[in-house]
Amino acid sequence: MIRKEAIEIISKLVQESPIISANGFISRDLFESNDKNSNFYMIGSMGLSSSIGFGISMINKNKKIYIFDGDGNIFMNLGSLVTIGAIQPKNLVHIIFDNSVHESTGKQPTNSKKIKIENLGKAAKYKVFTVNSKKAIIDIIKKIKSLSGPIMIVIKIKPSNYVSTRVTLEPKTIKNRFSKSLLS
């Protein structure tokens, strides 16, 4: 399974819940698969989707907040795991697509084969789940709807040669429509 297939499944299952997606191919895949006002696409700022998602979860405690992250992105901001783990936001779901490469920048290897993201999540006191199939994704997304967070789902995926189209929205438009979606 490739990242885009996993993103298509999850984004439809979580419906209008807010999604903060990491920069690069993750935001492109989400934009191409299921663009909606409640998606916040990172344009640049590698590694910061978890920090932004955490902040949004603290302000919007009545909504489940989903973060779409990559293994390369989370390795660039491990401090966010510590903060999320210490504060324990009940409405935060951190989904990490792990293909062991920085796919958006040329498939340079990450260290996820040596340093298991699941273990980092457990050390940071997340409820951690690891999946590697479409059926397992559907099952876990349904299961976590009744769990409180923070929750980490590590999805093992394969690198791909498919490249989704760029996000065509201006950053200001992304911010404005996302902000309005949080009020509904």
N, C-alpha and C. Protein backbone atom coordinates (compact mmCIF):
# COMPACT_ATOMS: atom_id res chain seq x y z
N MET A 1 0.85 -1.18 0.00
CA MET A 1 0.00 0.00 0.00
C MET A 1 0.89 1.24 0.00
N ILE A 2 0.49 2.23 -0.77
CA ILE A 2 1.22 3.50 -0.80
C ILE A 2 0.47 4.53 0.04
N ARG A 3 1.16 5.62 0.34
CA ARG A 3 0.62 6.67 1.20
C ARG A 3 -0.72 7.21 0.69
N LYS A 4 -0.81 7.48 -0.60
CA LYS A 4 -2.04 8.08 -1.13
C LYS A 4 -3.25 7.18 -0.89
N GLU A 5 -3.08 5.87 -1.02
CA GLU A 5 -4.19 4.95 -0.77
C GLU A 5 -4.63 5.03 0.69
N ALA A 6 -3.69 5.08 1.60
CA ALA A 6 -4.01 5.18 3.02
C ALA A 6 -4.70 6.52 3.33
N ILE A 7 -4.20 7.59 2.75
CA ILE A 7 -4.78 8.91 2.98
C ILE A 7 -6.21 8.97 2.46
N GLU A 8 -6.47 8.38 1.31
CA GLU A 8 -7.83 8.37 0.76
C GLU A 8 -8.80 7.68 1.72
N ILE A 9 -8.39 6.56 2.27
CA ILE A 9 -9.25 5.81 3.19
C ILE A 9 -9.52 6.62 4.45
N ILE A 10 -8.47 7.10 5.08
CA ILE A 10 -8.62 7.80 6.37
C ILE A 10 -9.40 9.09 6.21
N SER A 11 -9.06 9.88 5.20
CA SER A 11 -9.71 11.20 5.07
C SER A 11 -11.22 11.06 4.85
N LYS A 12 -11.64 9.99 4.23
CA LYS A 12 -13.08 9.77 4.05
C LYS A 12 -13.72 9.26 5.34
N LEU A 13 -13.02 8.42 6.09
CA LEU A 13 -13.57 7.88 7.34
C LEU A 13 -13.73 8.95 8.42
N VAL A 14 -12.82 9.92 8.46
CA VAL A 14 -12.90 10.94 9.52
C VAL A 14 -13.83 12.09 9.13
N GLN A 15 -14.37 12.04 7.94
CA GLN A 15 -15.35 12.99 7.43
C GLN A 15 -14.86 14.42 7.55
N GLU A 16 -15.58 15.25 8.28
CA GLU A 16 -15.25 16.68 8.36
C GLU A 16 -14.32 17.03 9.53
N SER A 17 -13.80 16.04 10.21
CA SER A 17 -12.86 16.32 11.31
C SER A 17 -11.65 17.06 10.77
N PRO A 18 -11.09 17.97 11.56
CA PRO A 18 -9.90 18.70 11.11
C PRO A 18 -8.70 17.77 10.90
N ILE A 19 -7.99 18.00 9.79
CA ILE A 19 -6.76 17.27 9.48
C ILE A 19 -5.67 18.30 9.24
N ILE A 20 -4.57 18.16 9.95
CA ILE A 20 -3.39 19.00 9.72
C ILE A 20 -2.39 18.09 9.02
N SER A 21 -2.05 18.41 7.78
CA SER A 21 -1.18 17.51 7.00
C SER A 21 0.20 18.11 6.82
N ALA A 22 1.19 17.24 6.95
CA ALA A 22 2.59 17.64 6.81
C ALA A 22 2.86 18.14 5.40
N ASN A 23 3.91 18.90 5.28
CA ASN A 23 4.29 19.46 3.99
C ASN A 23 4.69 18.36 3.01
N GLY A 24 4.83 18.74 1.75
CA GLY A 24 5.28 17.80 0.73
C GLY A 24 4.18 16.91 0.22
N PHE A 25 4.53 15.66 -0.07
CA PHE A 25 3.61 14.75 -0.72
C PHE A 25 2.39 14.41 0.13
N ILE A 26 2.50 14.49 1.45
CA ILE A 26 1.35 14.19 2.30
C ILE A 26 0.23 15.20 2.05
N SER A 27 0.56 16.50 2.05
CA SER A 27 -0.46 17.50 1.76
C SER A 27 -0.96 17.38 0.32
N ARG A 28 -0.07 17.09 -0.61
CA ARG A 28 -0.50 16.91 -2.00
C ARG A 28 -1.50 15.76 -2.13
N ASP A 29 -1.18 14.64 -1.49
CA ASP A 29 -2.08 13.48 -1.56
C ASP A 29 -3.44 13.78 -0.95
N LEU A 30 -3.45 14.46 0.18
CA LEU A 30 -4.71 14.81 0.83
C LEU A 30 -5.51 15.78 -0.04
N PHE A 31 -4.85 16.78 -0.59
CA PHE A 31 -5.51 17.75 -1.44
C PHE A 31 -6.14 17.06 -2.65
N GLU A 32 -5.41 16.19 -3.30
CA GLU A 32 -5.90 15.51 -4.50
C GLU A 32 -6.99 14.49 -4.17
N SER A 33 -6.90 13.87 -3.01
CA SER A 33 -7.84 12.80 -2.64
C SER A 33 -9.16 13.32 -2.07
N ASN A 34 -9.08 14.33 -1.21
CA ASN A 34 -10.27 14.73 -0.47
C ASN A 34 -10.11 16.15 0.07
N ASP A 35 -10.07 17.12 -0.81
CA ASP A 35 -9.96 18.52 -0.38
C ASP A 35 -11.24 18.92 0.34
N LYS A 36 -11.08 19.56 1.48
CA LYS A 36 -12.22 20.07 2.24
C LYS A 36 -11.73 21.22 3.11
N ASN A 37 -12.66 22.04 3.54
CA ASN A 37 -12.31 23.23 4.32
C ASN A 37 -11.60 22.89 5.62
N SER A 38 -11.88 21.71 6.19
CA SER A 38 -11.29 21.35 7.48
C SER A 38 -9.91 20.70 7.34
N ASN A 39 -9.30 20.79 6.16
CA ASN A 39 -7.91 20.35 5.97
C ASN A 39 -6.99 21.57 6.07
N PHE A 40 -5.93 21.43 6.85
CA PHE A 40 -4.90 22.47 6.91
C PHE A 40 -3.65 21.89 6.27
N TYR A 41 -3.31 22.40 5.09
CA TYR A 41 -2.17 21.92 4.35
C TYR A 41 -0.93 22.72 4.72
N MET A 42 0.10 22.02 5.19
CA MET A 42 1.37 22.69 5.46
C MET A 42 2.04 22.98 4.12
N ILE A 43 2.41 24.18 3.92
CA ILE A 43 3.17 24.57 2.73
C ILE A 43 4.54 24.99 3.28
N GLY A 44 5.50 24.09 3.23
CA GLY A 44 6.79 24.34 3.87
C GLY A 44 6.73 23.91 5.33
N SER A 45 7.64 24.39 6.13
CA SER A 45 7.68 24.12 7.57
C SER A 45 7.74 22.64 7.89
N MET A 46 8.72 21.95 7.33
CA MET A 46 8.85 20.52 7.56
C MET A 46 8.98 20.19 9.04
N GLY A 47 8.18 19.22 9.47
CA GLY A 47 8.22 18.74 10.84
C GLY A 47 7.26 19.42 11.80
N LEU A 48 6.55 20.44 11.35
CA LEU A 48 5.75 21.21 12.31
C LEU A 48 4.26 20.88 12.34
N SER A 49 3.80 19.92 11.55
CA SER A 49 2.37 19.60 11.59
C SER A 49 1.96 19.10 12.97
N SER A 50 2.83 18.36 13.64
CA SER A 50 2.49 17.86 14.98
C SER A 50 2.37 19.00 15.98
N SER A 51 3.22 19.99 15.88
CA SER A 51 3.14 21.15 16.79
C SER A 51 1.87 21.96 16.53
N ILE A 52 1.57 22.18 15.27
CA ILE A 52 0.35 22.93 14.92
C ILE A 52 -0.89 22.14 15.33
N GLY A 53 -0.90 20.85 15.02
CA GLY A 53 -2.04 20.01 15.41
C GLY A 53 -2.24 19.97 16.91
N PHE A 54 -1.15 19.91 17.66
CA PHE A 54 -1.25 19.94 19.12
C PHE A 54 -1.90 21.24 19.60
N GLY A 55 -1.45 22.37 19.08
CA GLY A 55 -2.03 23.65 19.46
C GLY A 55 -3.52 23.72 19.15
N ILE A 56 -3.89 23.24 17.98
CA ILE A 56 -5.31 23.25 17.59
C ILE A 56 -6.12 22.33 18.51
N SER A 57 -5.54 21.19 18.90
CA SER A 57 -6.26 20.27 19.79
C SER A 57 -6.50 20.91 21.16
N MET A 58 -5.60 21.76 21.60
CA MET A 58 -5.75 22.40 22.91
C MET A 58 -6.86 23.46 22.90
N ILE A 59 -7.07 24.08 21.77
CA ILE A 59 -8.08 25.14 21.67
C ILE A 59 -9.46 24.57 21.33
N ASN A 60 -9.48 23.45 20.63
CA ASN A 60 -10.73 22.85 20.15
C ASN A 60 -10.93 21.47 20.78
N LYS A 61 -11.16 21.45 22.06
CA LYS A 61 -11.19 20.19 22.81
C LYS A 61 -12.41 19.32 22.50
N ASN A 62 -13.41 19.88 21.85
CA ASN A 62 -14.61 19.11 21.52
C ASN A 62 -14.53 18.44 20.16
N LYS A 63 -13.43 18.64 19.44
CA LYS A 63 -13.26 18.03 18.12
C LYS A 63 -12.04 17.12 18.15
N LYS A 64 -12.16 15.97 17.50
CA LYS A 64 -11.00 15.09 17.34
C LYS A 64 -10.14 15.70 16.25
N ILE A 65 -8.87 15.93 16.54
CA ILE A 65 -7.93 16.56 15.61
C ILE A 65 -6.99 15.47 15.10
N TYR A 66 -6.89 15.38 13.77
CA TYR A 66 -6.03 14.39 13.12
C TYR A 66 -4.81 15.07 12.53
N ILE A 67 -3.65 14.51 12.80
CA ILE A 67 -2.39 14.99 12.22
C ILE A 67 -1.90 13.92 11.26
N PHE A 68 -1.65 14.31 10.02
CA PHE A 68 -1.06 13.41 9.03
C PHE A 68 0.41 13.79 8.92
N ASP A 69 1.27 12.88 9.33
CA ASP A 69 2.70 13.15 9.41
C ASP A 69 3.47 12.07 8.67
N GLY A 70 4.70 12.33 8.36
CA GLY A 70 5.57 11.33 7.76
C GLY A 70 6.69 10.97 8.71
N ASP A 71 7.35 9.85 8.45
CA ASP A 71 8.47 9.46 9.31
C ASP A 71 9.57 10.51 9.27
N GLY A 72 9.87 11.05 8.11
CA GLY A 72 10.89 12.09 8.02
C GLY A 72 10.49 13.35 8.76
N ASN A 73 9.21 13.72 8.67
CA ASN A 73 8.72 14.91 9.37
C ASN A 73 8.82 14.76 10.88
N ILE A 74 8.37 13.63 11.41
CA ILE A 74 8.37 13.50 12.87
C ILE A 74 9.78 13.39 13.41
N PHE A 75 10.70 12.80 12.65
CA PHE A 75 12.09 12.76 13.12
C PHE A 75 12.69 14.16 13.20
N MET A 76 12.15 15.11 12.45
CA MET A 76 12.65 16.49 12.50
C MET A 76 12.10 17.27 13.69
N ASN A 77 11.09 16.72 14.37
CA ASN A 77 10.47 17.46 15.48
C ASN A 77 10.07 16.49 16.59
N LEU A 78 11.01 15.73 17.09
CA LEU A 78 10.70 14.77 18.16
C LEU A 78 10.24 15.45 19.44
N GLY A 79 10.61 16.71 19.61
CA GLY A 79 10.18 17.44 20.79
C GLY A 79 8.66 17.54 20.90
N SER A 80 7.97 17.53 19.76
CA SER A 80 6.50 17.61 19.81
C SER A 80 5.92 16.36 20.46
N LEU A 81 6.55 15.20 20.26
CA LEU A 81 6.05 13.98 20.90
C LEU A 81 6.11 14.10 22.42
N VAL A 82 7.19 14.66 22.91
CA VAL A 82 7.37 14.83 24.35
C VAL A 82 6.30 15.78 24.91
N THR A 83 6.07 16.88 24.23
CA THR A 83 5.06 17.85 24.69
C THR A 83 3.67 17.24 24.66
N ILE A 84 3.33 16.58 23.55
CA ILE A 84 2.01 15.94 23.44
C ILE A 84 1.86 14.88 24.53
N GLY A 85 2.89 14.07 24.73
CA GLY A 85 2.83 13.04 25.76
C GLY A 85 2.68 13.60 27.16
N ALA A 86 3.33 14.70 27.44
CA ALA A 86 3.25 15.30 28.77
C ALA A 86 1.88 15.92 29.03
N ILE A 87 1.30 16.57 28.02
CA ILE A 87 0.01 17.26 28.19
C ILE A 87 -1.17 16.30 28.03
N GLN A 88 -1.02 15.25 27.24
CA GLN A 88 -2.06 14.23 27.03
C GLN A 88 -3.39 14.77 26.48
N PRO A 89 -3.37 15.46 25.34
CA PRO A 89 -4.64 15.92 24.77
C PRO A 89 -5.51 14.72 24.39
N LYS A 90 -6.72 14.69 24.90
CA LYS A 90 -7.62 13.54 24.71
C LYS A 90 -8.17 13.46 23.29
N ASN A 91 -8.09 14.55 22.52
CA ASN A 91 -8.72 14.61 21.20
C ASN A 91 -7.71 14.58 20.06
N LEU A 92 -6.49 14.18 20.31
CA LEU A 92 -5.44 14.22 19.30
C LEU A 92 -5.14 12.81 18.76
N VAL A 93 -5.17 12.70 17.43
CA VAL A 93 -4.82 11.46 16.74
C VAL A 93 -3.68 11.78 15.78
N HIS A 94 -2.54 11.17 16.02
CA HIS A 94 -1.32 11.44 15.26
C HIS A 94 -1.07 10.24 14.34
N ILE A 95 -1.27 10.43 13.05
CA ILE A 95 -1.10 9.36 12.08
C ILE A 95 0.22 9.59 11.36
N ILE A 96 1.09 8.60 11.42
CA ILE A 96 2.42 8.73 10.81
C ILE A 96 2.56 7.69 9.71
N PHE A 97 2.74 8.18 8.49
CA PHE A 97 2.94 7.32 7.33
C PHE A 97 4.43 7.02 7.22
N ASP A 98 4.79 5.77 7.44
CA ASP A 98 6.20 5.39 7.54
C ASP A 98 6.61 4.53 6.34
N ASN A 99 7.37 5.14 5.43
CA ASN A 99 7.91 4.39 4.29
C ASN A 99 9.45 4.34 4.34
N SER A 100 10.02 4.79 5.45
CA SER A 100 11.47 4.77 5.69
C SER A 100 12.28 5.64 4.74
N VAL A 101 11.62 6.59 4.08
CA VAL A 101 12.34 7.52 3.21
C VAL A 101 11.72 8.91 3.29
N HIS A 102 12.52 9.90 2.95
CA HIS A 102 12.03 11.27 2.73
C HIS A 102 11.55 11.31 1.28
N GLU A 103 10.34 10.83 1.05
CA GLU A 103 9.87 10.66 -0.32
C GLU A 103 9.75 11.97 -1.08
N SER A 104 9.32 13.03 -0.41
CA SER A 104 9.10 14.31 -1.09
C SER A 104 10.38 14.95 -1.61
N THR A 105 11.52 14.57 -1.04
CA THR A 105 12.77 15.23 -1.42
C THR A 105 13.74 14.33 -2.17
N GLY A 106 13.28 13.14 -2.60
CA GLY A 106 14.16 12.30 -3.39
C GLY A 106 14.42 10.91 -2.84
N LYS A 107 13.65 10.51 -1.85
CA LYS A 107 13.74 9.16 -1.27
C LYS A 107 15.03 8.87 -0.51
N GLN A 108 15.59 9.91 0.11
CA GLN A 108 16.72 9.67 1.00
C GLN A 108 16.20 8.87 2.20
N PRO A 109 16.98 7.93 2.71
CA PRO A 109 16.49 7.10 3.82
C PRO A 109 16.32 7.89 5.11
N THR A 110 15.29 7.51 5.87
CA THR A 110 15.15 8.00 7.24
C THR A 110 15.71 6.90 8.15
N ASN A 111 15.62 7.08 9.42
CA ASN A 111 16.13 6.08 10.37
C ASN A 111 15.03 5.22 10.96
N SER A 112 13.86 5.18 10.32
CA SER A 112 12.75 4.44 10.93
C SER A 112 12.93 2.93 10.93
N LYS A 113 13.89 2.42 10.17
CA LYS A 113 14.18 0.98 10.26
C LYS A 113 15.02 0.67 11.50
N LYS A 114 15.75 1.65 11.98
CA LYS A 114 16.60 1.46 13.16
C LYS A 114 15.95 1.97 14.44
N ILE A 115 15.29 3.10 14.34
CA ILE A 115 14.60 3.72 15.48
C ILE A 115 13.11 3.63 15.20
N LYS A 116 12.41 2.77 15.90
CA LYS A 116 10.99 2.51 15.65
C LYS A 116 10.13 3.65 16.20
N ILE A 117 9.37 4.25 15.32
CA ILE A 117 8.49 5.35 15.70
C ILE A 117 7.49 4.89 16.75
N GLU A 118 7.03 3.66 16.65
CA GLU A 118 6.09 3.12 17.64
C GLU A 118 6.68 3.18 19.04
N ASN A 119 7.96 2.86 19.16
CA ASN A 119 8.61 2.90 20.47
C ASN A 119 8.72 4.33 21.00
N LEU A 120 8.97 5.27 20.11
CA LEU A 120 9.00 6.68 20.53
C LEU A 120 7.63 7.11 21.04
N GLY A 121 6.58 6.70 20.32
CA GLY A 121 5.22 7.02 20.74
C GLY A 121 4.89 6.43 22.11
N LYS A 122 5.27 5.18 22.31
CA LYS A 122 5.02 4.54 23.61
C LYS A 122 5.78 5.26 24.72
N ALA A 123 7.03 5.63 24.46
CA ALA A 123 7.82 6.35 25.47
C ALA A 123 7.20 7.70 25.80
N ALA A 124 6.51 8.30 24.82
CA ALA A 124 5.86 9.59 25.03
C ALA A 124 4.43 9.43 25.55
N LYS A 125 4.05 8.22 25.91
CA LYS A 125 2.76 7.93 26.54
C LYS A 125 1.55 8.10 25.62
N TYR A 126 1.74 7.89 24.32
CA TYR A 126 0.63 7.78 23.38
C TYR A 126 0.03 6.38 23.51
N LYS A 127 -1.23 6.21 23.11
CA LYS A 127 -1.78 4.90 22.80
C LYS A 127 -1.33 4.62 21.37
N VAL A 128 -0.57 3.55 21.14
CA VAL A 128 0.09 3.33 19.85
C VAL A 128 -0.48 2.10 19.15
N PHE A 129 -0.74 2.27 17.85
CA PHE A 129 -1.20 1.19 16.99
C PHE A 129 -0.35 1.21 15.72
N THR A 130 -0.03 0.03 15.20
CA THR A 130 0.72 -0.09 13.96
C THR A 130 -0.11 -0.92 12.99
N VAL A 131 -0.26 -0.41 11.77
CA VAL A 131 -1.04 -1.13 10.75
C VAL A 131 -0.28 -1.13 9.44
N ASN A 132 -0.63 -2.10 8.58
CA ASN A 132 0.04 -2.17 7.28
C ASN A 132 -0.87 -2.66 6.16
N SER A 133 -2.19 -2.57 6.37
CA SER A 133 -3.12 -2.96 5.32
C SER A 133 -4.33 -2.03 5.32
N LYS A 134 -5.03 -2.01 4.19
CA LYS A 134 -6.22 -1.16 4.08
C LYS A 134 -7.28 -1.57 5.10
N LYS A 135 -7.50 -2.86 5.25
CA LYS A 135 -8.50 -3.34 6.21
C LYS A 135 -8.12 -2.93 7.63
N ALA A 136 -6.85 -3.07 7.97
CA ALA A 136 -6.40 -2.69 9.32
C ALA A 136 -6.60 -1.20 9.56
N ILE A 137 -6.40 -0.37 8.53
CA ILE A 137 -6.64 1.07 8.67
C ILE A 137 -8.10 1.33 8.99
N ILE A 138 -8.99 0.72 8.23
CA ILE A 138 -10.43 0.92 8.46
C ILE A 138 -10.79 0.48 9.87
N ASP A 139 -10.32 -0.68 10.29
CA ASP A 139 -10.63 -1.20 11.63
C ASP A 139 -10.12 -0.27 12.72
N ILE A 140 -8.89 0.22 12.60
CA ILE A 140 -8.33 1.04 13.67
C ILE A 140 -8.98 2.42 13.72
N ILE A 141 -9.31 3.00 12.57
CA ILE A 141 -9.98 4.31 12.59
C ILE A 141 -11.34 4.19 13.25
N LYS A 142 -12.05 3.11 13.00
CA LYS A 142 -13.34 2.90 13.67
C LYS A 142 -13.13 2.69 15.17
N LYS A 143 -12.12 1.93 15.55
CA LYS A 143 -11.86 1.64 16.96
C LYS A 143 -11.51 2.89 17.76
N ILE A 144 -10.68 3.75 17.19
CA ILE A 144 -10.21 4.90 17.97
C ILE A 144 -11.25 5.99 18.15
N LYS A 145 -12.34 5.92 17.40
CA LYS A 145 -13.38 6.95 17.55
C LYS A 145 -13.91 7.00 18.98
N SER A 146 -13.83 5.87 19.69
CA SER A 146 -14.32 5.83 21.07
C SER A 146 -13.20 5.90 22.10
N LEU A 147 -11.95 6.04 21.65
CA LEU A 147 -10.82 6.14 22.58
C LEU A 147 -10.41 7.59 22.77
N SER A 148 -9.85 7.86 23.95
CA SER A 148 -9.29 9.19 24.15
C SER A 148 -7.79 9.12 23.90
N GLY A 149 -7.24 10.25 23.51
CA GLY A 149 -5.84 10.31 23.11
C GLY A 149 -4.93 10.73 24.22
N PRO A 150 -3.70 10.99 23.85
CA PRO A 150 -3.23 11.03 22.47
C PRO A 150 -3.05 9.62 21.90
N ILE A 151 -3.39 9.50 20.64
CA ILE A 151 -3.31 8.25 19.91
C ILE A 151 -2.31 8.42 18.77
N MET A 152 -1.46 7.41 18.59
CA MET A 152 -0.54 7.39 17.46
C MET A 152 -0.85 6.14 16.63
N ILE A 153 -1.04 6.35 15.34
CA ILE A 153 -1.19 5.23 14.42
C ILE A 153 -0.03 5.32 13.43
N VAL A 154 0.82 4.31 13.46
CA VAL A 154 1.93 4.24 12.51
C VAL A 154 1.48 3.33 11.38
N ILE A 155 1.43 3.87 10.18
CA ILE A 155 1.00 3.11 9.01
C ILE A 155 2.23 2.80 8.17
N LYS A 156 2.53 1.52 8.07
CA LYS A 156 3.67 1.07 7.27
C LYS A 156 3.25 1.07 5.80
N ILE A 157 3.93 1.86 5.00
CA ILE A 157 3.61 1.99 3.59
C ILE A 157 4.86 1.75 2.75
N LYS A 158 4.67 1.66 1.45
CA LYS A 158 5.79 1.49 0.53
C LYS A 158 6.05 2.82 -0.17
N PRO A 159 7.30 3.11 -0.48
CA PRO A 159 7.57 4.29 -1.31
C PRO A 159 6.87 4.14 -2.65
N SER A 160 6.59 5.28 -3.28
CA SER A 160 5.85 5.26 -4.54
C SER A 160 6.48 6.22 -5.53
N ASN A 161 6.24 5.98 -6.78
CA ASN A 161 6.66 6.92 -7.82
C ASN A 161 5.53 7.87 -8.21
N TYR A 162 4.34 7.64 -7.65
CA TYR A 162 3.20 8.51 -7.96
C TYR A 162 3.36 9.84 -7.23
N VAL A 163 3.14 10.93 -7.93
CA VAL A 163 3.23 12.26 -7.33
C VAL A 163 1.91 12.98 -7.56
N SER A 164 1.20 13.30 -6.49
CA SER A 164 -0.05 14.05 -6.59
C SER A 164 0.22 15.49 -6.99
N THR A 165 -0.82 16.15 -7.47
CA THR A 165 -0.70 17.54 -7.89
C THR A 165 -0.43 18.43 -6.68
N ARG A 166 0.19 19.56 -6.93
CA ARG A 166 0.46 20.52 -5.86
C ARG A 166 -0.84 21.13 -5.33
N VAL A 167 -0.80 21.53 -4.09
CA VAL A 167 -1.91 22.27 -3.49
C VAL A 167 -1.99 23.60 -4.22
N THR A 168 -3.14 23.91 -4.80
CA THR A 168 -3.28 25.13 -5.60
C THR A 168 -3.87 26.30 -4.81
N LEU A 169 -4.18 26.08 -3.55
CA LEU A 169 -4.73 27.15 -2.71
C LEU A 169 -3.61 28.01 -2.15
N GLU A 170 -3.88 29.28 -2.03
CA GLU A 170 -2.93 30.19 -1.39
C GLU A 170 -2.93 29.94 0.12
N PRO A 171 -1.79 30.11 0.78
CA PRO A 171 -1.74 29.88 2.23
C PRO A 171 -2.80 30.65 3.02
N LYS A 172 -3.07 31.88 2.64
CA LYS A 172 -4.08 32.68 3.34
C LYS A 172 -5.47 32.04 3.20
N THR A 173 -5.77 31.52 2.03
CA THR A 173 -7.05 30.85 1.80
C THR A 173 -7.15 29.58 2.65
N ILE A 174 -6.06 28.81 2.70
CA ILE A 174 -6.03 27.61 3.53
C ILE A 174 -6.33 27.97 4.98
N LYS A 175 -5.65 28.98 5.48
CA LYS A 175 -5.84 29.41 6.88
C LYS A 175 -7.26 29.88 7.14
N ASN A 176 -7.79 30.72 6.26
CA ASN A 176 -9.12 31.29 6.48
C ASN A 176 -10.22 30.23 6.46
N ARG A 177 -10.19 29.36 5.48
CA ARG A 177 -11.26 28.37 5.40
C ARG A 177 -11.13 27.34 6.53
N PHE A 178 -9.89 27.00 6.90
CA PHE A 178 -9.68 26.07 8.02
C PHE A 178 -10.19 26.70 9.32
N SER A 179 -9.85 27.96 9.56
CA SER A 179 -10.31 28.64 10.78
C SER A 179 -11.83 28.67 10.87
N LYS A 180 -12.49 28.95 9.76
CA LYS A 180 -13.97 28.97 9.75
C LYS A 180 -14.52 27.58 10.02
N SER A 181 -13.88 26.54 9.52
CA SER A 181 -14.37 25.17 9.73
C SER A 181 -14.32 24.78 11.21
N LEU A 182 -13.39 25.34 11.96
CA LEU A 182 -13.28 25.02 13.37
C LEU A 182 -14.45 25.59 14.18
N LEU A 183 -15.13 26.60 13.63
CA LEU A 183 -16.24 27.23 14.34
C LEU A 183 -17.55 26.47 14.15
N SER A 184 -17.59 25.57 13.16
CA SER A 184 -18.87 24.86 12.90
C SER A 184 -18.98 23.59 13.69
